[in-house]
Amino acid sequence: MLGGHGRLRDLLPGQLEGLGVTYADALNEGERAKGLVFDATGLTSSADLVALQQFFTPLMRQLETCARVVVLGTPPEQLEGASAWPNVPSKASPVRWARRSARAPPSSWST
């Protein structure tokens, strides 16, 4: 499953097809995803992180066992205004945020 609206979004389908990976832009009712790929290269401030929550939260319960989650991003040092990202953790943070947001509203999040 693909999400996000960054500079890599248009390249991802071709790259995945070249690797023999089947992808979708949406899941049908009852379908399960083997993985989620989110292009976060278009995010430019910490306020944009809500896009991660909006993508991952509804899909977390539709993941198969041992599914993969990939977030493609731009290294902070390559962003203008990189100091706007001091509290953005790396690695599997979107998964933790999405799981947490299923139990609490986004206003209760902390980075």
PDB file of N, CA and C in Angstrom:
ATOM      1  N   MET A   1       0.855  -1.168   0.000  1.00  0.00           N
ATOM      2  CA  MET A   1       0.000   0.000   0.000  1.00  0.00           C
ATOM      3  C   MET A   1       0.891   1.217   0.000  1.00  0.00           C
ATOM      4  N   LEU A   2       0.589   2.169  -0.874  1.00  0.00           N
ATOM      5  CA  LEU A   2       1.390   3.384  -1.017  1.00  0.00           C
ATOM      6  C   LEU A   2       0.644   4.592  -0.480  1.00  0.00           C
ATOM      7  N   GLY A   3       1.383   5.499   0.130  1.00  0.00           N
ATOM      8  CA  GLY A   3       0.803   6.739   0.621  1.00  0.00           C
ATOM      9  C   GLY A   3       1.821   7.858   0.568  1.00  0.00           C
ATOM     10  N   GLY A   4       1.362   9.046   0.866  1.00  0.00           N
ATOM     11  CA  GLY A   4       2.242  10.212   0.870  1.00  0.00           C
ATOM     12  C   GLY A   4       2.194  10.964  -0.444  1.00  0.00           C
ATOM     13  N   HIS A   5       2.749  12.164  -0.410  1.00  0.00           N
ATOM     14  CA  HIS A   5       2.730  13.019  -1.603  1.00  0.00           C
ATOM     15  C   HIS A   5       4.050  13.764  -1.749  1.00  0.00           C
ATOM     16  N   GLY A   6       5.151  13.047  -1.665  1.00  0.00           N
ATOM     17  CA  GLY A   6       6.460  13.664  -1.788  1.00  0.00           C
ATOM     18  C   GLY A   6       7.025  13.530  -3.184  1.00  0.00           C
ATOM     19  N   ARG A   7       8.289  13.877  -3.308  1.00  0.00           N
ATOM     20  CA  ARG A   7       8.938  13.874  -4.622  1.00  0.00           C
ATOM     21  C   ARG A   7       9.181  12.469  -5.166  1.00  0.00           C
ATOM     22  N   LEU A   8       9.097  11.437  -4.326  1.00  0.00           N
ATOM     23  CA  LEU A   8       9.322  10.061  -4.779  1.00  0.00           C
ATOM     24  C   LEU A   8       8.039   9.337  -5.149  1.00  0.00           C
ATOM     25  N   ARG A   9       6.902   9.920  -4.850  1.00  0.00           N
ATOM     26  CA  ARG A   9       5.605   9.238  -5.020  1.00  0.00           C
ATOM     27  C   ARG A   9       5.370   8.750  -6.442  1.00  0.00           C
ATOM     28  N   ASP A  10       5.714   9.560  -7.418  1.00  0.00           N
ATOM     29  CA  ASP A  10       5.479   9.156  -8.804  1.00  0.00           C
ATOM     30  C   ASP A  10       6.466   8.087  -9.270  1.00  0.00           C
ATOM     31  N   LEU A  11       7.608   7.976  -8.605  1.00  0.00           N
ATOM     32  CA  LEU A  11       8.614   6.980  -8.987  1.00  0.00           C
ATOM     33  C   LEU A  11       8.351   5.607  -8.355  1.00  0.00           C
ATOM     34  N   LEU A  12       7.675   5.600  -7.226  1.00  0.00           N
ATOM     35  CA  LEU A  12       7.486   4.350  -6.478  1.00  0.00           C
ATOM     36  C   LEU A  12       6.776   3.244  -7.250  1.00  0.00           C
ATOM     37  N   PRO A  13       5.666   3.505  -7.932  1.00  0.00           N
ATOM     38  CA  PRO A  13       5.005   2.401  -8.647  1.00  0.00           C
ATOM     39  C   PRO A  13       5.918   1.689  -9.638  1.00  0.00           C
ATOM     40  N   GLY A  14       6.662   2.437 -10.415  1.00  0.00           N
ATOM     41  CA  GLY A  14       7.571   1.829 -11.382  1.00  0.00           C
ATOM     42  C   GLY A  14       8.678   1.030 -10.715  1.00  0.00           C
ATOM     43  N   GLN A  15       9.215   1.566  -9.626  1.00  0.00           N
ATOM     44  CA  GLN A  15      10.266   0.861  -8.899  1.00  0.00           C
ATOM     45  C   GLN A  15       9.744  -0.443  -8.301  1.00  0.00           C
ATOM     46  N   LEU A  16       8.569  -0.392  -7.714  1.00  0.00           N
ATOM     47  CA  LEU A  16       7.991  -1.598  -7.119  1.00  0.00           C
ATOM     48  C   LEU A  16       7.654  -2.640  -8.178  1.00  0.00           C
ATOM     49  N   GLU A  17       7.081  -2.193  -9.299  1.00  0.00           N
ATOM     50  CA  GLU A  17       6.775  -3.127 -10.385  1.00  0.00           C
ATOM     51  C   GLU A  17       8.037  -3.790 -10.903  1.00  0.00           C
ATOM     52  N   GLY A  18       9.112  -3.009 -11.011  1.00  0.00           N
ATOM     53  CA  GLY A  18      10.383  -3.550 -11.473  1.00  0.00           C
ATOM     54  C   GLY A  18      10.934  -4.623 -10.540  1.00  0.00           C
ATOM     55  N   LEU A  19      10.570  -4.557  -9.285  1.00  0.00           N
ATOM     56  CA  LEU A  19      10.993  -5.554  -8.303  1.00  0.00           C
ATOM     57  C   LEU A  19       9.996  -6.709  -8.183  1.00  0.00           C
ATOM     58  N   GLY A  20       8.912  -6.634  -8.950  1.00  0.00           N
ATOM     59  CA  GLY A  20       7.891  -7.677  -8.887  1.00  0.00           C
ATOM     60  C   GLY A  20       6.980  -7.557  -7.680  1.00  0.00           C
ATOM     61  N   VAL A  21       6.883  -6.358  -7.113  1.00  0.00           N
ATOM     62  CA  VAL A  21       6.056  -6.121  -5.937  1.00  0.00           C
ATOM     63  C   VAL A  21       4.707  -5.571  -6.368  1.00  0.00           C
ATOM     64  N   THR A  22       3.640  -6.205  -5.924  1.00  0.00           N
ATOM     65  CA  THR A  22       2.289  -5.729  -6.194  1.00  0.00           C
ATOM     66  C   THR A  22       1.957  -4.647  -5.173  1.00  0.00           C
ATOM     67  N   TYR A  23       1.350  -3.570  -5.613  1.00  0.00           N
ATOM     68  CA  TYR A  23       1.021  -2.474  -4.702  1.00  0.00           C
ATOM     69  C   TYR A  23      -0.390  -1.978  -4.980  1.00  0.00           C
ATOM     70  N   ALA A  24      -0.907  -1.203  -4.048  1.00  0.00           N
ATOM     71  CA  ALA A  24      -2.238  -0.611  -4.195  1.00  0.00           C
ATOM     72  C   ALA A  24      -2.220   0.775  -3.556  1.00  0.00           C
ATOM     73  N   ASP A  25      -3.119   1.617  -3.997  1.00  0.00           N
ATOM     74  CA  ASP A  25      -3.277   2.934  -3.388  1.00  0.00           C
ATOM     75  C   ASP A  25      -4.345   2.917  -2.304  1.00  0.00           C
ATOM     76  N   ALA A  26      -5.129   1.833  -2.266  1.00  0.00           N
ATOM     77  CA  ALA A  26      -6.182   1.686  -1.252  1.00  0.00           C
ATOM     78  C   ALA A  26      -6.446   0.193  -1.055  1.00  0.00           C
ATOM     79  N   LEU A  27      -6.960  -0.142   0.119  1.00  0.00           N
ATOM     80  CA  LEU A  27      -7.332  -1.530   0.406  1.00  0.00           C
ATOM     81  C   LEU A  27      -8.847  -1.658   0.390  1.00  0.00           C
ATOM     82  N   ASN A  28      -9.320  -2.761  -0.169  1.00  0.00           N
ATOM     83  CA  ASN A  28     -10.749  -3.055  -0.124  1.00  0.00           C
ATOM     84  C   ASN A  28     -11.100  -3.622   1.244  1.00  0.00           C
ATOM     85  N   GLU A  29     -12.361  -3.598   1.572  1.00  0.00           N
ATOM     86  CA  GLU A  29     -12.842  -4.150   2.840  1.00  0.00           C
ATOM     87  C   GLU A  29     -12.378  -5.593   2.986  1.00  0.00           C
ATOM     88  N   GLY A  30     -11.775  -5.907   4.114  1.00  0.00           N
ATOM     89  CA  GLY A  30     -11.325  -7.267   4.387  1.00  0.00           C
ATOM     90  C   GLY A  30      -9.946  -7.603   3.846  1.00  0.00           C
ATOM     91  N   GLU A  31      -9.377  -6.750   3.002  1.00  0.00           N
ATOM     92  CA  GLU A  31      -8.033  -6.998   2.488  1.00  0.00           C
ATOM     93  C   GLU A  31      -6.998  -6.682   3.560  1.00  0.00           C
ATOM     94  N   ARG A  32      -5.878  -7.388   3.487  1.00  0.00           N
ATOM     95  CA  ARG A  32      -4.788  -7.140   4.423  1.00  0.00           C
ATOM     96  C   ARG A  32      -3.542  -6.755   3.638  1.00  0.00           C
ATOM     97  N   ALA A  33      -2.745  -5.883   4.219  1.00  0.00           N
ATOM     98  CA  ALA A  33      -1.536  -5.398   3.554  1.00  0.00           C
ATOM     99  C   ALA A  33      -0.310  -6.128   4.084  1.00  0.00           C
ATOM    100  N   LYS A  34       0.596  -6.457   3.179  1.00  0.00           N
ATOM    101  CA  LYS A  34       1.869  -7.056   3.576  1.00  0.00           C
ATOM    102  C   LYS A  34       2.866  -5.972   3.949  1.00  0.00           C
ATOM    103  N   GLY A  35       2.552  -4.746   3.571  1.00  0.00           N
ATOM    104  CA  GLY A  35       3.447  -3.645   3.897  1.00  0.00           C
ATOM    105  C   GLY A  35       2.824  -2.312   3.542  1.00  0.00           C
ATOM    106  N   LEU A  36       3.385  -1.276   4.147  1.00  0.00           N
ATOM    107  CA  LEU A  36       2.960   0.095   3.891  1.00  0.00           C
ATOM    108  C   LEU A  36       4.196   0.904   3.529  1.00  0.00           C
ATOM    109  N   VAL A  37       4.086   1.707   2.476  1.00  0.00           N
ATOM    110  CA  VAL A  37       5.175   2.593   2.072  1.00  0.00           C
ATOM    111  C   VAL A  37       4.612   4.002   2.025  1.00  0.00           C
ATOM    112  N   PHE A  38       5.232   4.904   2.774  1.00  0.00           N
ATOM    113  CA  PHE A  38       4.771   6.283   2.837  1.00  0.00           C
ATOM    114  C   PHE A  38       5.896   7.202   2.381  1.00  0.00           C
ATOM    115  N   ASP A  39       5.620   8.025   1.373  1.00  0.00           N
ATOM    116  CA  ASP A  39       6.597   8.998   0.891  1.00  0.00           C
ATOM    117  C   ASP A  39       6.455  10.277   1.705  1.00  0.00           C
ATOM    118  N   ALA A  40       7.372  10.471   2.625  1.00  0.00           N
ATOM    119  CA  ALA A  40       7.348  11.652   3.490  1.00  0.00           C
ATOM    120  C   ALA A  40       8.300  12.731   3.012  1.00  0.00           C
ATOM    121  N   THR A  41       8.812  12.615   1.784  1.00  0.00           N
ATOM    122  CA  THR A  41       9.755  13.612   1.290  1.00  0.00           C
ATOM    123  C   THR A  41       9.102  14.973   1.079  1.00  0.00           C
ATOM    124  N   GLY A  42       7.778  15.016   1.035  1.00  0.00           N
ATOM    125  CA  GLY A  42       7.082  16.286   0.881  1.00  0.00           C
ATOM    126  C   GLY A  42       6.812  16.996   2.197  1.00  0.00           C
ATOM    127  N   LEU A  43       7.104  16.354   3.320  1.00  0.00           N
ATOM    128  CA  LEU A  43       6.872  16.981   4.617  1.00  0.00           C
ATOM    129  C   LEU A  43       7.979  17.999   4.882  1.00  0.00           C
ATOM    130  N   THR A  44       7.581  19.194   5.248  1.00  0.00           N
ATOM    131  CA  THR A  44       8.571  20.253   5.439  1.00  0.00           C
ATOM    132  C   THR A  44       8.599  20.832   6.847  1.00  0.00           C
ATOM    133  N   SER A  45       7.656  20.449   7.681  1.00  0.00           N
ATOM    134  CA  SER A  45       7.662  20.938   9.055  1.00  0.00           C
ATOM    135  C   SER A  45       7.058  19.876   9.956  1.00  0.00           C
ATOM    136  N   SER A  46       7.264  20.036  11.246  1.00  0.00           N
ATOM    137  CA  SER A  46       6.710  19.060  12.177  1.00  0.00           C
ATOM    138  C   SER A  46       5.183  19.070  12.139  1.00  0.00           C
ATOM    139  N   ALA A  47       4.569  20.167  11.743  1.00  0.00           N
ATOM    140  CA  ALA A  47       3.106  20.226  11.627  1.00  0.00           C
ATOM    141  C   ALA A  47       2.595  19.288  10.534  1.00  0.00           C
ATOM    142  N   ASP A  48       3.437  18.994   9.556  1.00  0.00           N
ATOM    143  CA  ASP A  48       3.048  18.094   8.459  1.00  0.00           C
ATOM    144  C   ASP A  48       2.988  16.628   8.890  1.00  0.00           C
ATOM    145  N   LEU A  49       3.493  16.315  10.071  1.00  0.00           N
ATOM    146  CA  LEU A  49       3.521  14.927  10.518  1.00  0.00           C
ATOM    147  C   LEU A  49       2.139  14.327  10.702  1.00  0.00           C
ATOM    148  N   VAL A  50       1.121  15.157  10.764  1.00  0.00           N
ATOM    149  CA  VAL A  50      -0.244  14.635  10.875  1.00  0.00           C
ATOM    150  C   VAL A  50      -0.575  13.757   9.661  1.00  0.00           C
ATOM    151  N   ALA A  51       0.083  13.982   8.529  1.00  0.00           N
ATOM    152  CA  ALA A  51      -0.132  13.152   7.340  1.00  0.00           C
ATOM    153  C   ALA A  51       0.253  11.696   7.619  1.00  0.00           C
ATOM    154  N   LEU A  52       1.282  11.485   8.423  1.00  0.00           N
ATOM    155  CA  LEU A  52       1.664  10.120   8.796  1.00  0.00           C
ATOM    156  C   LEU A  52       0.548   9.457   9.594  1.00  0.00           C
ATOM    157  N   GLN A  53       0.020  10.183  10.550  1.00  0.00           N
ATOM    158  CA  GLN A  53      -1.066   9.654  11.375  1.00  0.00           C
ATOM    159  C   GLN A  53      -2.289   9.348  10.528  1.00  0.00           C
ATOM    160  N   GLN A  54      -2.619  10.232   9.619  1.00  0.00           N
ATOM    161  CA  GLN A  54      -3.802  10.032   8.779  1.00  0.00           C
ATOM    162  C   GLN A  54      -3.648   8.831   7.860  1.00  0.00           C
ATOM    163  N   PHE A  55      -2.436   8.540   7.436  1.00  0.00           N
ATOM    164  CA  PHE A  55      -2.203   7.394   6.562  1.00  0.00           C
ATOM    165  C   PHE A  55      -2.163   6.086   7.363  1.00  0.00           C
ATOM    166  N   PHE A  56      -1.370   6.051   8.431  1.00  0.00           N
ATOM    167  CA  PHE A  56      -1.128   4.800   9.141  1.00  0.00           C
ATOM    168  C   PHE A  56      -2.270   4.350  10.040  1.00  0.00           C
ATOM    169  N   THR A  57      -2.906   5.246  10.752  1.00  0.00           N
ATOM    170  CA  THR A  57      -3.901   4.853  11.754  1.00  0.00           C
ATOM    171  C   THR A  57      -4.998   3.950  11.203  1.00  0.00           C
ATOM    172  N   PRO A  58      -5.648   4.295  10.102  1.00  0.00           N
ATOM    173  CA  PRO A  58      -6.728   3.417   9.632  1.00  0.00           C
ATOM    174  C   PRO A  58      -6.230   2.078   9.070  1.00  0.00           C
ATOM    175  N   LEU A  59      -4.937   1.973   8.799  1.00  0.00           N
ATOM    176  CA  LEU A  59      -4.411   0.760   8.170  1.00  0.00           C
ATOM    177  C   LEU A  59      -3.751  -0.209   9.143  1.00  0.00           C
ATOM    178  N   MET A  60      -3.486   0.209  10.354  1.00  0.00           N
ATOM    179  CA  MET A  60      -2.724  -0.621  11.283  1.00  0.00           C
ATOM    180  C   MET A  60      -3.388  -1.977  11.543  1.00  0.00           C
ATOM    181  N   ARG A  61      -4.681  -2.006  11.629  1.00  0.00           N
ATOM    182  CA  ARG A  61      -5.374  -3.277  11.891  1.00  0.00           C
ATOM    183  C   ARG A  61      -5.534  -4.127  10.640  1.00  0.00           C
ATOM    184  N   GLN A  62      -5.160  -3.576   9.503  1.00  0.00           N
ATOM    185  CA  GLN A  62      -5.257  -4.320   8.249  1.00  0.00           C
ATOM    186  C   GLN A  62      -3.907  -4.879   7.806  1.00  0.00           C
ATOM    187  N   LEU A  63      -2.909  -4.780   8.669  1.00  0.00           N
ATOM    188  CA  LEU A  63      -1.602  -5.325   8.331  1.00  0.00           C
ATOM    189  C   LEU A  63      -1.548  -6.814   8.630  1.00  0.00           C
ATOM    190  N   GLU A  64      -0.912  -7.564   7.727  1.00  0.00           N
ATOM    191  CA  GLU A  64      -0.682  -8.983   7.975  1.00  0.00           C
ATOM    192  C   GLU A  64       0.385  -9.125   9.049  1.00  0.00           C
ATOM    193  N   THR A  65       0.491 -10.321   9.596  1.00  0.00           N
ATOM    194  CA  THR A  65       1.542 -10.611  10.555  1.00  0.00           C
ATOM    195  C   THR A  65       2.902 -10.403   9.890  1.00  0.00           C
ATOM    196  N   CYS A  66       3.818  -9.797  10.593  1.00  0.00           N
ATOM    197  CA  CYS A  66       5.187  -9.534  10.106  1.00  0.00           C
ATOM    198  C   CYS A  66       5.214  -8.606   8.893  1.00  0.00           C
ATOM    199  N   ALA A  67       4.262  -7.719   8.798  1.00  0.00           N
ATOM    200  CA  ALA A  67       4.225  -6.758   7.690  1.00  0.00           C
ATOM    201  C   ALA A  67       5.379  -5.769   7.828  1.00  0.00           C
ATOM    202  N   ARG A  68       5.702  -5.112   6.744  1.00  0.00           N
ATOM    203  CA  ARG A  68       6.776  -4.121   6.714  1.00  0.00           C
ATOM    204  C   ARG A  68       6.171  -2.723   6.623  1.00  0.00           C
ATOM    205  N   VAL A  69       6.808  -1.781   7.291  1.00  0.00           N
ATOM    206  CA  VAL A  69       6.408  -0.382   7.235  1.00  0.00           C
ATOM    207  C   VAL A  69       7.635   0.418   6.843  1.00  0.00           C
ATOM    208  N   VAL A  70       7.525   1.174   5.743  1.00  0.00           N
ATOM    209  CA  VAL A  70       8.643   1.965   5.242  1.00  0.00           C
ATOM    210  C   VAL A  70       8.195   3.413   5.115  1.00  0.00           C
ATOM    211  N   VAL A  71       8.976   4.315   5.691  1.00  0.00           N
ATOM    212  CA  VAL A  71       8.733   5.744   5.541  1.00  0.00           C
ATOM    213  C   VAL A  71       9.952   6.325   4.844  1.00  0.00           C
ATOM    214  N   LEU A  72       9.738   6.858   3.650  1.00  0.00           N
ATOM    215  CA  LEU A  72      10.818   7.469   2.889  1.00  0.00           C
ATOM    216  C   LEU A  72      10.837   8.961   3.199  1.00  0.00           C
ATOM    217  N   GLY A  73      11.976   9.456   3.606  1.00  0.00           N
ATOM    218  CA  GLY A  73      12.055  10.862   3.980  1.00  0.00           C
ATOM    219  C   GLY A  73      13.319  11.522   3.482  1.00  0.00           C
ATOM    220  N   THR A  74      13.415  12.790   3.759  1.00  0.00           N
ATOM    221  CA  THR A  74      14.585  13.597   3.428  1.00  0.00           C
ATOM    222  C   THR A  74      15.391  13.789   4.706  1.00  0.00           C
ATOM    223  N   PRO A  75      16.705  13.574   4.660  1.00  0.00           N
ATOM    224  CA  PRO A  75      17.507  13.827   5.856  1.00  0.00           C
ATOM    225  C   PRO A  75      17.321  15.274   6.325  1.00  0.00           C
ATOM    226  N   PRO A  76      17.155  15.493   7.622  1.00  0.00           N
ATOM    227  CA  PRO A  76      16.884  16.840   8.137  1.00  0.00           C
ATOM    228  C   PRO A  76      17.907  17.880   7.696  1.00  0.00           C
ATOM    229  N   GLU A  77      19.170  17.477   7.561  1.00  0.00           N
ATOM    230  CA  GLU A  77      20.196  18.451   7.156  1.00  0.00           C
ATOM    231  C   GLU A  77      20.014  18.933   5.720  1.00  0.00           C
ATOM    232  N   GLN A  78      19.199  18.257   4.927  1.00  0.00           N
ATOM    233  CA  GLN A  78      18.938  18.675   3.553  1.00  0.00           C
ATOM    234  C   GLN A  78      17.679  19.522   3.423  1.00  0.00           C
ATOM    235  N   LEU A  79      16.966  19.724   4.524  1.00  0.00           N
ATOM    236  CA  LEU A  79      15.754  20.540   4.515  1.00  0.00           C
ATOM    237  C   LEU A  79      16.078  21.981   4.848  1.00  0.00           C
ATOM    238  N   GLU A  80      15.360  22.898   4.230  1.00  0.00           N
ATOM    239  CA  GLU A  80      15.451  24.287   4.662  1.00  0.00           C
ATOM    240  C   GLU A  80      14.772  24.371   6.013  1.00  0.00           C
ATOM    241  N   GLY A  81      15.335  25.118   6.925  1.00  0.00           N
ATOM    242  CA  GLY A  81      14.741  25.239   8.247  1.00  0.00           C
ATOM    243  C   GLY A  81      14.808  23.936   9.016  1.00  0.00           C
ATOM    244  N   ALA A  82      15.924  23.208   8.896  1.00  0.00           N
ATOM    245  CA  ALA A  82      16.059  21.907   9.547  1.00  0.00           C
ATOM    246  C   ALA A  82      15.858  21.997  11.055  1.00  0.00           C
ATOM    247  N   SER A  83      16.065  23.158  11.646  1.00  0.00           N
ATOM    248  CA  SER A  83      15.885  23.283  13.092  1.00  0.00           C
ATOM    249  C   SER A  83      14.426  23.125  13.497  1.00  0.00           C
ATOM    250  N   ALA A  84      13.514  23.112  12.530  1.00  0.00           N
ATOM    251  CA  ALA A  84      12.095  22.914  12.835  1.00  0.00           C
ATOM    252  C   ALA A  84      11.813  21.461  13.211  1.00  0.00           C
ATOM    253  N   TRP A  85      12.794  20.570  13.049  1.00  0.00           N
ATOM    254  CA  TRP A  85      12.599  19.144  13.273  1.00  0.00           C
ATOM    255  C   TRP A  85      13.357  18.598  14.482  1.00  0.00           C
ATOM    256  N   PRO A  86      13.644  19.375  15.518  1.00  0.00           N
ATOM    257  CA  PRO A  86      14.512  18.854  16.569  1.00  0.00           C
ATOM    258  C   PRO A  86      13.938  17.676  17.346  1.00  0.00           C
ATOM    259  N   ASN A  87      12.631  17.565  17.482  1.00  0.00           N
ATOM    260  CA  ASN A  87      12.036  16.526  18.304  1.00  0.00           C
ATOM    261  C   ASN A  87      11.418  15.389  17.501  1.00  0.00           C
ATOM    262  N   VAL A  88      11.737  15.298  16.225  1.00  0.00           N
ATOM    263  CA  VAL A  88      11.156  14.245  15.400  1.00  0.00           C
ATOM    264  C   VAL A  88      12.038  13.006  15.495  1.00  0.00           C
ATOM    265  N   PRO A  89      11.567  11.969  16.176  1.00  0.00           N
ATOM    266  CA  PRO A  89      12.361  10.754  16.299  1.00  0.00           C
ATOM    267  C   PRO A  89      12.387   9.983  14.986  1.00  0.00           C
ATOM    268  N   SER A  90      13.362   9.109  14.835  1.00  0.00           N
ATOM    269  CA  SER A  90      13.480   8.337  13.599  1.00  0.00           C
ATOM    270  C   SER A  90      13.020   6.903  13.836  1.00  0.00           C
ATOM    271  N   LYS A  91      13.343   6.034  12.914  1.00  0.00           N
ATOM    272  CA  LYS A  91      13.037   4.608  12.936  1.00  0.00           C
ATOM    273  C   LYS A  91      11.541   4.350  12.815  1.00  0.00           C
ATOM    274  N   ALA A  92      10.931   3.599  13.712  1.00  0.00           N
ATOM    275  CA  ALA A  92       9.541   3.160  13.563  1.00  0.00           C
ATOM    276  C   ALA A  92       8.550   4.096  14.256  1.00  0.00           C
ATOM    277  N   SER A  93       8.913   5.344  14.452  1.00  0.00           N
ATOM    278  CA  SER A  93       8.045   6.282  15.160  1.00  0.00           C
ATOM    279  C   SER A  93       6.639   6.373  14.585  1.00  0.00           C
ATOM    280  N   PRO A  94       6.450   6.431  13.252  1.00  0.00           N
ATOM    281  CA  PRO A  94       5.079   6.526  12.745  1.00  0.00           C
ATOM    282  C   PRO A  94       4.206   5.363  13.182  1.00  0.00           C
ATOM    283  N   VAL A  95       4.805   4.184  13.313  1.00  0.00           N
ATOM    284  CA  VAL A  95       4.029   3.031  13.759  1.00  0.00           C
ATOM    285  C   VAL A  95       3.606   3.227  15.205  1.00  0.00           C
ATOM    286  N   ARG A  96       4.521   3.668  16.052  1.00  0.00           N
ATOM    287  CA  ARG A  96       4.165   3.932  17.445  1.00  0.00           C
ATOM    288  C   ARG A  96       3.090   5.008  17.512  1.00  0.00           C
ATOM    289  N   TRP A  97       3.235   6.069  16.730  1.00  0.00           N
ATOM    290  CA  TRP A  97       2.255   7.149  16.747  1.00  0.00           C
ATOM    291  C   TRP A  97       0.896   6.642  16.290  1.00  0.00           C
ATOM    292  N   ALA A  98       0.875   5.846  15.232  1.00  0.00           N
ATOM    293  CA  ALA A  98      -0.400   5.341  14.714  1.00  0.00           C
ATOM    294  C   ALA A  98      -1.067   4.423  15.731  1.00  0.00           C
ATOM    295  N   ARG A  99      -0.286   3.581  16.382  1.00  0.00           N
ATOM    296  CA  ARG A  99      -0.864   2.695  17.396  1.00  0.00           C
ATOM    297  C   ARG A  99      -1.388   3.503  18.569  1.00  0.00           C
ATOM    298  N   ARG A 100      -0.630   4.504  18.983  1.00  0.00           N
ATOM    299  CA  ARG A 100      -1.041   5.325  20.108  1.00  0.00           C
ATOM    300  C   ARG A 100      -2.297   6.118  19.751  1.00  0.00           C
ATOM    301  N   SER A 101      -2.367   6.618  18.520  1.00  0.00           N
ATOM    302  CA  SER A 101      -3.503   7.456  18.141  1.00  0.00           C
ATOM    303  C   SER A 101      -4.792   6.655  18.037  1.00  0.00           C
ATOM    304  N   ALA A 102      -4.681   5.345  17.895  1.00  0.00           N
ATOM    305  CA  ALA A 102      -5.885   4.512  17.870  1.00  0.00           C
ATOM    306  C   ALA A 102      -6.547   4.496  19.250  1.00  0.00           C
ATOM    307  N   ARG A 103      -5.747   4.802  20.294  1.00  0.00           N
ATOM    308  CA  ARG A 103      -6.273   4.804  21.658  1.00  0.00           C
ATOM    309  C   ARG A 103      -6.548   6.211  22.182  1.00  0.00           C
ATOM    310  N   ALA A 104      -5.909   7.214  21.589  1.00  0.00           N
ATOM    311  CA  ALA A 104      -6.045   8.575  22.099  1.00  0.00           C
ATOM    312  C   ALA A 104      -6.086   9.547  20.932  1.00  0.00           C
ATOM    313  N   PRO A 105      -6.745  10.689  21.080  1.00  0.00           N
ATOM    314  CA  PRO A 105      -6.807  11.657  20.001  1.00  0.00           C
ATOM    315  C   PRO A 105      -5.428  12.269  19.733  1.00  0.00           C
ATOM    316  N   PRO A 106      -5.177  12.720  18.498  1.00  0.00           N
ATOM    317  CA  PRO A 106      -3.889  13.288  18.143  1.00  0.00           C
ATOM    318  C   PRO A 106      -3.441  14.430  19.058  1.00  0.00           C
ATOM    319  N   SER A 107      -4.371  15.152  19.663  1.00  0.00           N
ATOM    320  CA  SER A 107      -3.969  16.272  20.504  1.00  0.00           C
ATOM    321  C   SER A 107      -3.207  15.798  21.745  1.00  0.00           C
ATOM    322  N   SER A 108      -3.269  14.511  22.074  1.00  0.00           N
ATOM    323  CA  SER A 108      -2.566  14.008  23.247  1.00  0.00           C
ATOM    324  C   SER A 108      -1.181  13.468  22.903  1.00  0.00           C
ATOM    325  N   TRP A 109      -0.790  13.522  21.638  1.00  0.00           N
ATOM    326  CA  TRP A 109       0.510  13.009  21.231  1.00  0.00           C
ATOM    327  C   TRP A 109       1.622  13.862  21.796  1.00  0.00           C
ATOM    328  N   SER A 110       2.746  13.250  21.965  1.00  0.00           N
ATOM    329  CA  SER A 110       3.960  13.995  22.257  1.00  0.00           C
ATOM    330  C   SER A 110       5.067  13.398  21.418  1.00  0.00           C
ATOM    331  N   THR A 111       5.982  14.240  20.958  1.00  0.00           N
ATOM    332  CA  THR A 111       7.075  13.728  20.109  1.00  0.00           C
ATOM    333  C   THR A 111       8.302  13.481  20.917  1.00  0.00           C
TER     334      THR A 111
END
